Amino acid sequence: MECLYCKGQMHRGTAPFTIDRKGYHISWDAIPAWVCDQCGESLFETHEVELIQEALTVLDRETANLVTSSSP
């Protein structure tokens, strides 16, 4: 696979994923991804993106419950 940014070769590996969202910070250290040998750019496949989105949906819901339950 060719990197979309620098045209280097990509290989299967892992890459970090970090997001600041709705009052919380999430960081995963090693999500399966395609990683460029030349520039280090990472590309997540559809399956990993869907899993990340599912996890964030649950965290959004649970964070909202936490905030609601702590209100006076």
PDB file of N, CA and C in Angstrom:
ATOM      1  N   MET A   1       0.856  -1.173   0.000  1.00  0.00           N
ATOM      2  CA  MET A   1       0.000   0.000   0.000  1.00  0.00           C
ATOM      3  C   MET A   1       0.900   1.234   0.000  1.00  0.00           C
ATOM      4  N   GLU A   2       0.464   2.274  -0.706  1.00  0.00           N
ATOM      5  CA  GLU A   2       1.236   3.509  -0.828  1.00  0.00           C
ATOM      6  C   GLU A   2       0.646   4.595   0.078  1.00  0.00           C
ATOM      7  N   CYS A   3       1.514   5.332   0.758  1.00  0.00           N
ATOM      8  CA  CYS A   3       1.091   6.418   1.637  1.00  0.00           C
ATOM      9  C   CYS A   3       0.429   7.528   0.825  1.00  0.00           C
ATOM     10  N   LEU A   4      -0.685   8.018   1.324  1.00  0.00           N
ATOM     11  CA  LEU A   4      -1.415   9.088   0.641  1.00  0.00           C
ATOM     12  C   LEU A   4      -0.661  10.419   0.680  1.00  0.00           C
ATOM     13  N   TYR A   5       0.249  10.582   1.643  1.00  0.00           N
ATOM     14  CA  TYR A   5       0.921  11.872   1.834  1.00  0.00           C
ATOM     15  C   TYR A   5       2.285  11.950   1.164  1.00  0.00           C
ATOM     16  N   CYS A   6       3.121  10.914   1.379  1.00  0.00           N
ATOM     17  CA  CYS A   6       4.489  11.008   0.857  1.00  0.00           C
ATOM     18  C   CYS A   6       4.810   9.958  -0.202  1.00  0.00           C
ATOM     19  N   LYS A   7       3.856   9.075  -0.470  1.00  0.00           N
ATOM     20  CA  LYS A   7       4.001   7.991  -1.464  1.00  0.00           C
ATOM     21  C   LYS A   7       4.964   6.893  -1.011  1.00  0.00           C
ATOM     22  N   GLY A   8       5.357   6.890   0.272  1.00  0.00           N
ATOM     23  CA  GLY A   8       6.180   5.808   0.811  1.00  0.00           C
ATOM     24  C   GLY A   8       5.365   4.534   0.951  1.00  0.00           C
ATOM     25  N   GLN A   9       6.029   3.452   1.317  1.00  0.00           N
ATOM     26  CA  GLN A   9       5.364   2.163   1.503  1.00  0.00           C
ATOM     27  C   GLN A   9       4.802   2.059   2.912  1.00  0.00           C
ATOM     28  N   MET A  10       3.607   1.475   3.006  1.00  0.00           N
ATOM     29  CA  MET A  10       2.961   1.285   4.300  1.00  0.00           C
ATOM     30  C   MET A  10       2.968  -0.194   4.651  1.00  0.00           C
ATOM     31  N   HIS A  11       3.082  -0.471   5.951  1.00  0.00           N
ATOM     32  CA  HIS A  11       3.049  -1.844   6.433  1.00  0.00           C
ATOM     33  C   HIS A  11       2.082  -1.926   7.612  1.00  0.00           C
ATOM     34  N   ARG A  12       1.626  -3.139   7.916  1.00  0.00           N
ATOM     35  CA  ARG A  12       0.734  -3.341   9.055  1.00  0.00           C
ATOM     36  C   ARG A  12       1.543  -3.212  10.331  1.00  0.00           C
ATOM     37  N   GLY A  13       0.980  -2.473  11.258  1.00  0.00           N
ATOM     38  CA  GLY A  13       1.614  -2.286  12.555  1.00  0.00           C
ATOM     39  C   GLY A  13       0.571  -1.755  13.513  1.00  0.00           C
ATOM     40  N   THR A  14       0.999  -0.904  14.425  1.00  0.00           N
ATOM     41  CA  THR A  14       0.072  -0.259  15.344  1.00  0.00           C
ATOM     42  C   THR A  14       0.412   1.220  15.412  1.00  0.00           C
ATOM     43  N   ALA A  15      -0.580   2.002  15.800  1.00  0.00           N
ATOM     44  CA  ALA A  15      -0.394   3.447  15.927  1.00  0.00           C
ATOM     45  C   ALA A  15      -1.219   3.936  17.112  1.00  0.00           C
ATOM     46  N   PRO A  16      -0.763   5.014  17.737  1.00  0.00           N
ATOM     47  CA  PRO A  16      -1.557   5.577  18.829  1.00  0.00           C
ATOM     48  C   PRO A  16      -2.771   6.324  18.289  1.00  0.00           C
ATOM     49  N   PHE A  17      -3.788   6.439  19.130  1.00  0.00           N
ATOM     50  CA  PHE A  17      -4.969   7.240  18.801  1.00  0.00           C
ATOM     51  C   PHE A  17      -5.334   8.023  20.053  1.00  0.00           C
ATOM     52  N   THR A  18      -5.450   9.334  19.917  1.00  0.00           N
ATOM     53  CA  THR A  18      -5.760  10.215  21.038  1.00  0.00           C
ATOM     54  C   THR A  18      -6.853  11.182  20.625  1.00  0.00           C
ATOM     55  N   ILE A  19      -7.768  11.456  21.566  1.00  0.00           N
ATOM     56  CA  ILE A  19      -8.843  12.399  21.279  1.00  0.00           C
ATOM     57  C   ILE A  19      -9.244  13.115  22.569  1.00  0.00           C
ATOM     58  N   ASP A  20      -9.507  14.407  22.452  1.00  0.00           N
ATOM     59  CA  ASP A  20     -10.110  15.202  23.519  1.00  0.00           C
ATOM     60  C   ASP A  20     -11.552  15.407  23.123  1.00  0.00           C
ATOM     61  N   ARG A  21     -12.464  15.062  24.035  1.00  0.00           N
ATOM     62  CA  ARG A  21     -13.866  15.027  23.635  1.00  0.00           C
ATOM     63  C   ARG A  21     -14.780  15.236  24.835  1.00  0.00           C
ATOM     64  N   LYS A  22     -15.666  16.186  24.755  1.00  0.00           N
ATOM     65  CA  LYS A  22     -16.743  16.376  25.737  1.00  0.00           C
ATOM     66  C   LYS A  22     -16.277  16.260  27.183  1.00  0.00           C
ATOM     67  N   GLY A  23     -15.150  16.876  27.488  1.00  0.00           N
ATOM     68  CA  GLY A  23     -14.685  16.903  28.864  1.00  0.00           C
ATOM     69  C   GLY A  23     -13.791  15.749  29.283  1.00  0.00           C
ATOM     70  N   TYR A  24     -13.417  14.887  28.382  1.00  0.00           N
ATOM     71  CA  TYR A  24     -12.494  13.816  28.747  1.00  0.00           C
ATOM     72  C   TYR A  24     -11.441  13.635  27.658  1.00  0.00           C
ATOM     73  N   HIS A  25     -10.344  12.992  28.042  1.00  0.00           N
ATOM     74  CA  HIS A  25      -9.218  12.739  27.147  1.00  0.00           C
ATOM     75  C   HIS A  25      -9.021  11.224  27.069  1.00  0.00           C
ATOM     76  N   ILE A  26      -8.972  10.689  25.865  1.00  0.00           N
ATOM     77  CA  ILE A  26      -8.775   9.252  25.654  1.00  0.00           C
ATOM     78  C   ILE A  26      -7.500   9.054  24.839  1.00  0.00           C
ATOM     79  N   SER A  27      -6.738   8.060  25.237  1.00  0.00           N
ATOM     80  CA  SER A  27      -5.522   7.737  24.504  1.00  0.00           C
ATOM     81  C   SER A  27      -5.344   6.217  24.481  1.00  0.00           C
ATOM     82  N   TRP A  28      -5.285   5.674  23.285  1.00  0.00           N
ATOM     83  CA  TRP A  28      -4.944   4.268  23.105  1.00  0.00           C
ATOM     84  C   TRP A  28      -3.546   4.234  22.502  1.00  0.00           C
ATOM     85  N   ASP A  29      -2.697   3.360  23.002  1.00  0.00           N
ATOM     86  CA  ASP A  29      -1.300   3.333  22.570  1.00  0.00           C
ATOM     87  C   ASP A  29      -1.051   2.531  21.299  1.00  0.00           C
ATOM     88  N   ALA A  30      -1.852   1.504  21.049  1.00  0.00           N
ATOM     89  CA  ALA A  30      -1.518   0.583  19.957  1.00  0.00           C
ATOM     90  C   ALA A  30      -2.771   0.057  19.267  1.00  0.00           C
ATOM     91  N   ILE A  31      -3.315   0.857  18.365  1.00  0.00           N
ATOM     92  CA  ILE A  31      -4.454   0.436  17.544  1.00  0.00           C
ATOM     93  C   ILE A  31      -3.892  -0.138  16.231  1.00  0.00           C
ATOM     94  N   PRO A  32      -4.369  -1.301  15.786  1.00  0.00           N
ATOM     95  CA  PRO A  32      -3.891  -1.837  14.507  1.00  0.00           C
ATOM     96  C   PRO A  32      -4.109  -0.818  13.378  1.00  0.00           C
ATOM     97  N   ALA A  33      -3.089  -0.658  12.544  1.00  0.00           N
ATOM     98  CA  ALA A  33      -3.150   0.361  11.484  1.00  0.00           C
ATOM     99  C   ALA A  33      -2.124   0.047  10.405  1.00  0.00           C
ATOM    100  N   TRP A  34      -2.267   0.745   9.293  1.00  0.00           N
ATOM    101  CA  TRP A  34      -1.225   0.782   8.270  1.00  0.00           C
ATOM    102  C   TRP A  34      -0.331   1.963   8.633  1.00  0.00           C
ATOM    103  N   VAL A  35       0.985   1.751   8.660  1.00  0.00           N
ATOM    104  CA  VAL A  35       1.928   2.793   9.068  1.00  0.00           C
ATOM    105  C   VAL A  35       2.960   2.982   7.958  1.00  0.00           C
ATOM    106  N   CYS A  36       3.187   4.243   7.586  1.00  0.00           N
ATOM    107  CA  CYS A  36       4.149   4.553   6.517  1.00  0.00           C
ATOM    108  C   CYS A  36       5.583   4.393   7.021  1.00  0.00           C
ATOM    109  N   ASP A  37       6.397   3.667   6.254  1.00  0.00           N
ATOM    110  CA  ASP A  37       7.810   3.475   6.587  1.00  0.00           C
ATOM    111  C   ASP A  37       8.594   4.772   6.470  1.00  0.00           C
ATOM    112  N   GLN A  38       8.129   5.678   5.632  1.00  0.00           N
ATOM    113  CA  GLN A  38       8.887   6.896   5.336  1.00  0.00           C
ATOM    114  C   GLN A  38       8.519   8.063   6.259  1.00  0.00           C
ATOM    115  N   CYS A  39       7.223   8.383   6.374  1.00  0.00           N
ATOM    116  CA  CYS A  39       6.820   9.569   7.145  1.00  0.00           C
ATOM    117  C   CYS A  39       6.120   9.246   8.465  1.00  0.00           C
ATOM    118  N   GLY A  40       5.755   7.973   8.673  1.00  0.00           N
ATOM    119  CA  GLY A  40       5.118   7.577   9.920  1.00  0.00           C
ATOM    120  C   GLY A  40       3.617   7.799   9.981  1.00  0.00           C
ATOM    121  N   GLU A  41       3.040   8.317   8.911  1.00  0.00           N
ATOM    122  CA  GLU A  41       1.591   8.532   8.872  1.00  0.00           C
ATOM    123  C   GLU A  41       0.872   7.199   9.076  1.00  0.00           C
ATOM    124  N   SER A  42      -0.248   7.242   9.813  1.00  0.00           N
ATOM    125  CA  SER A  42      -0.997   6.011  10.045  1.00  0.00           C
ATOM    126  C   SER A  42      -2.377   6.106   9.405  1.00  0.00           C
ATOM    127  N   LEU A  43      -2.898   4.944   9.030  1.00  0.00           N
ATOM    128  CA  LEU A  43      -4.206   4.838   8.407  1.00  0.00           C
ATOM    129  C   LEU A  43      -4.940   3.673   9.062  1.00  0.00           C
ATOM    130  N   PHE A  44      -6.085   3.990   9.680  1.00  0.00           N
ATOM    131  CA  PHE A  44      -6.889   2.951  10.321  1.00  0.00           C
ATOM    132  C   PHE A  44      -7.898   2.406   9.321  1.00  0.00           C
ATOM    133  N   GLU A  45      -8.096   1.093   9.356  1.00  0.00           N
ATOM    134  CA  GLU A  45      -9.100   0.478   8.487  1.00  0.00           C
ATOM    135  C   GLU A  45     -10.491   0.660   9.099  1.00  0.00           C
ATOM    136  N   THR A  46     -11.505   0.398   8.295  1.00  0.00           N
ATOM    137  CA  THR A  46     -12.895   0.602   8.684  1.00  0.00           C
ATOM    138  C   THR A  46     -13.242  -0.103   9.991  1.00  0.00           C
ATOM    139  N   HIS A  47     -12.796  -1.322  10.159  1.00  0.00           N
ATOM    140  CA  HIS A  47     -13.131  -2.087  11.369  1.00  0.00           C
ATOM    141  C   HIS A  47     -12.642  -1.375  12.633  1.00  0.00           C
ATOM    142  N   GLU A  48     -11.391  -0.913  12.610  1.00  0.00           N
ATOM    143  CA  GLU A  48     -10.845  -0.221  13.780  1.00  0.00           C
ATOM    144  C   GLU A  48     -11.564   1.099  14.030  1.00  0.00           C
ATOM    145  N   VAL A  49     -11.891   1.819  12.964  1.00  0.00           N
ATOM    146  CA  VAL A  49     -12.622   3.089  13.110  1.00  0.00           C
ATOM    147  C   VAL A  49     -13.990   2.835  13.738  1.00  0.00           C
ATOM    148  N   GLU A  50     -14.670   1.797  13.295  1.00  0.00           N
ATOM    149  CA  GLU A  50     -15.986   1.475  13.860  1.00  0.00           C
ATOM    150  C   GLU A  50     -15.881   1.126  15.345  1.00  0.00           C
ATOM    151  N   LEU A  51     -14.853   0.370  15.735  1.00  0.00           N
ATOM    152  CA  LEU A  51     -14.661   0.028  17.148  1.00  0.00           C
ATOM    153  C   LEU A  51     -14.360   1.268  17.986  1.00  0.00           C
ATOM    154  N   ILE A  52     -13.546   2.162  17.464  1.00  0.00           N
ATOM    155  CA  ILE A  52     -13.257   3.411  18.169  1.00  0.00           C
ATOM    156  C   ILE A  52     -14.541   4.218  18.340  1.00  0.00           C
ATOM    157  N   GLN A  53     -15.331   4.325  17.282  1.00  0.00           N
ATOM    158  CA  GLN A  53     -16.589   5.075  17.356  1.00  0.00           C
ATOM    159  C   GLN A  53     -17.552   4.458  18.366  1.00  0.00           C
ATOM    160  N   GLU A  54     -17.637   3.132  18.413  1.00  0.00           N
ATOM    161  CA  GLU A  54     -18.499   2.463  19.392  1.00  0.00           C
ATOM    162  C   GLU A  54     -18.042   2.768  20.807  1.00  0.00           C
ATOM    163  N   ALA A  55     -16.740   2.702  21.043  1.00  0.00           N
ATOM    164  CA  ALA A  55     -16.207   2.986  22.379  1.00  0.00           C
ATOM    165  C   ALA A  55     -16.502   4.429  22.780  1.00  0.00           C
ATOM    166  N   LEU A  56     -16.345   5.362  21.856  1.00  0.00           N
ATOM    167  CA  LEU A  56     -16.613   6.768  22.154  1.00  0.00           C
ATOM    168  C   LEU A  56     -18.093   7.015  22.422  1.00  0.00           C
ATOM    169  N   THR A  57     -18.967   6.308  21.727  1.00  0.00           N
ATOM    170  CA  THR A  57     -20.407   6.429  21.970  1.00  0.00           C
ATOM    171  C   THR A  57     -20.748   6.003  23.393  1.00  0.00           C
ATOM    172  N   VAL A  58     -20.177   4.885  23.819  1.00  0.00           N
ATOM    173  CA  VAL A  58     -20.412   4.409  25.187  1.00  0.00           C
ATOM    174  C   VAL A  58     -19.847   5.404  26.198  1.00  0.00           C
ATOM    175  N   LEU A  59     -18.649   5.896  25.950  1.00  0.00           N
ATOM    176  CA  LEU A  59     -18.049   6.870  26.869  1.00  0.00           C
ATOM    177  C   LEU A  59     -18.861   8.161  26.932  1.00  0.00           C
ATOM    178  N   ASP A  60     -19.376   8.624  25.805  1.00  0.00           N
ATOM    179  CA  ASP A  60     -20.230   9.820  25.796  1.00  0.00           C
ATOM    180  C   ASP A  60     -21.443   9.606  26.691  1.00  0.00           C
ATOM    181  N   ARG A  61     -22.102   8.455  26.515  1.00  0.00           N
ATOM    182  CA  ARG A  61     -23.301   8.147  27.298  1.00  0.00           C
ATOM    183  C   ARG A  61     -22.974   8.056  28.782  1.00  0.00           C
ATOM    184  N   GLU A  62     -21.928   7.331  29.126  1.00  0.00           N
ATOM    185  CA  GLU A  62     -21.572   7.142  30.533  1.00  0.00           C
ATOM    186  C   GLU A  62     -21.065   8.442  31.164  1.00  0.00           C
ATOM    187  N   THR A  63     -20.372   9.257  30.395  1.00  0.00           N
ATOM    188  CA  THR A  63     -19.915  10.547  30.912  1.00  0.00           C
ATOM    189  C   THR A  63     -21.114  11.445  31.186  1.00  0.00           C
ATOM    190  N   ALA A  64     -22.091  11.438  30.296  1.00  0.00           N
ATOM    191  CA  ALA A  64     -23.313  12.228  30.511  1.00  0.00           C
ATOM    192  C   ALA A  64     -24.031  11.746  31.761  1.00  0.00           C
ATOM    193  N   ASN A  65     -24.095  10.425  31.986  1.00  0.00           N
ATOM    194  CA  ASN A  65     -24.718   9.876  33.194  1.00  0.00           C
ATOM    195  C   ASN A  65     -23.958  10.308  34.444  1.00  0.00           C
ATOM    196  N   LEU A  66     -22.653  10.316  34.372  1.00  0.00           N
ATOM    197  CA  LEU A  66     -21.820  10.712  35.503  1.00  0.00           C
ATOM    198  C   LEU A  66     -22.041  12.180  35.862  1.00  0.00           C
ATOM    199  N   VAL A  67     -22.075  13.028  34.844  1.00  0.00           N
ATOM    200  CA  VAL A  67     -22.276  14.466  35.065  1.00  0.00           C
ATOM    201  C   VAL A  67     -23.665  14.713  35.625  1.00  0.00           C
ATOM    202  N   THR A  68     -24.672  14.022  35.084  1.00  0.00           N
ATOM    203  CA  THR A  68     -26.062  14.187  35.537  1.00  0.00           C
ATOM    204  C   THR A  68     -26.210  13.730  36.985  1.00  0.00           C
ATOM    205  N   SER A  69     -25.594  12.620  37.342  1.00  0.00           N
ATOM    206  CA  SER A  69     -25.733  12.086  38.704  1.00  0.00           C
ATOM    207  C   SER A  69     -24.980  12.905  39.737  1.00  0.00           C
ATOM    208  N   SER A  70     -23.967  13.681  39.306  1.00  0.00           N
ATOM    209  CA  SER A  70     -23.211  14.478  40.264  1.00  0.00           C
ATOM    210  C   SER A  70     -23.767  15.877  40.431  1.00  0.00           C
ATOM    211  N   SER A  71     -24.776  16.261  39.646  1.00  0.00           N
ATOM    212  CA  SER A  71     -25.399  17.585  39.758  1.00  0.00           C
ATOM    213  C   SER A  71     -26.232  17.630  41.036  1.00  0.00           C
ATOM    214  N   PRO A  72     -26.234  18.807  41.751  1.00  0.00           N
ATOM    215  CA  PRO A  72     -27.010  18.930  42.996  1.00  0.00           C
ATOM    216  C   PRO A  72     -28.503  18.903  42.777  1.00  0.00           C
TER     217      PRO A  72
END
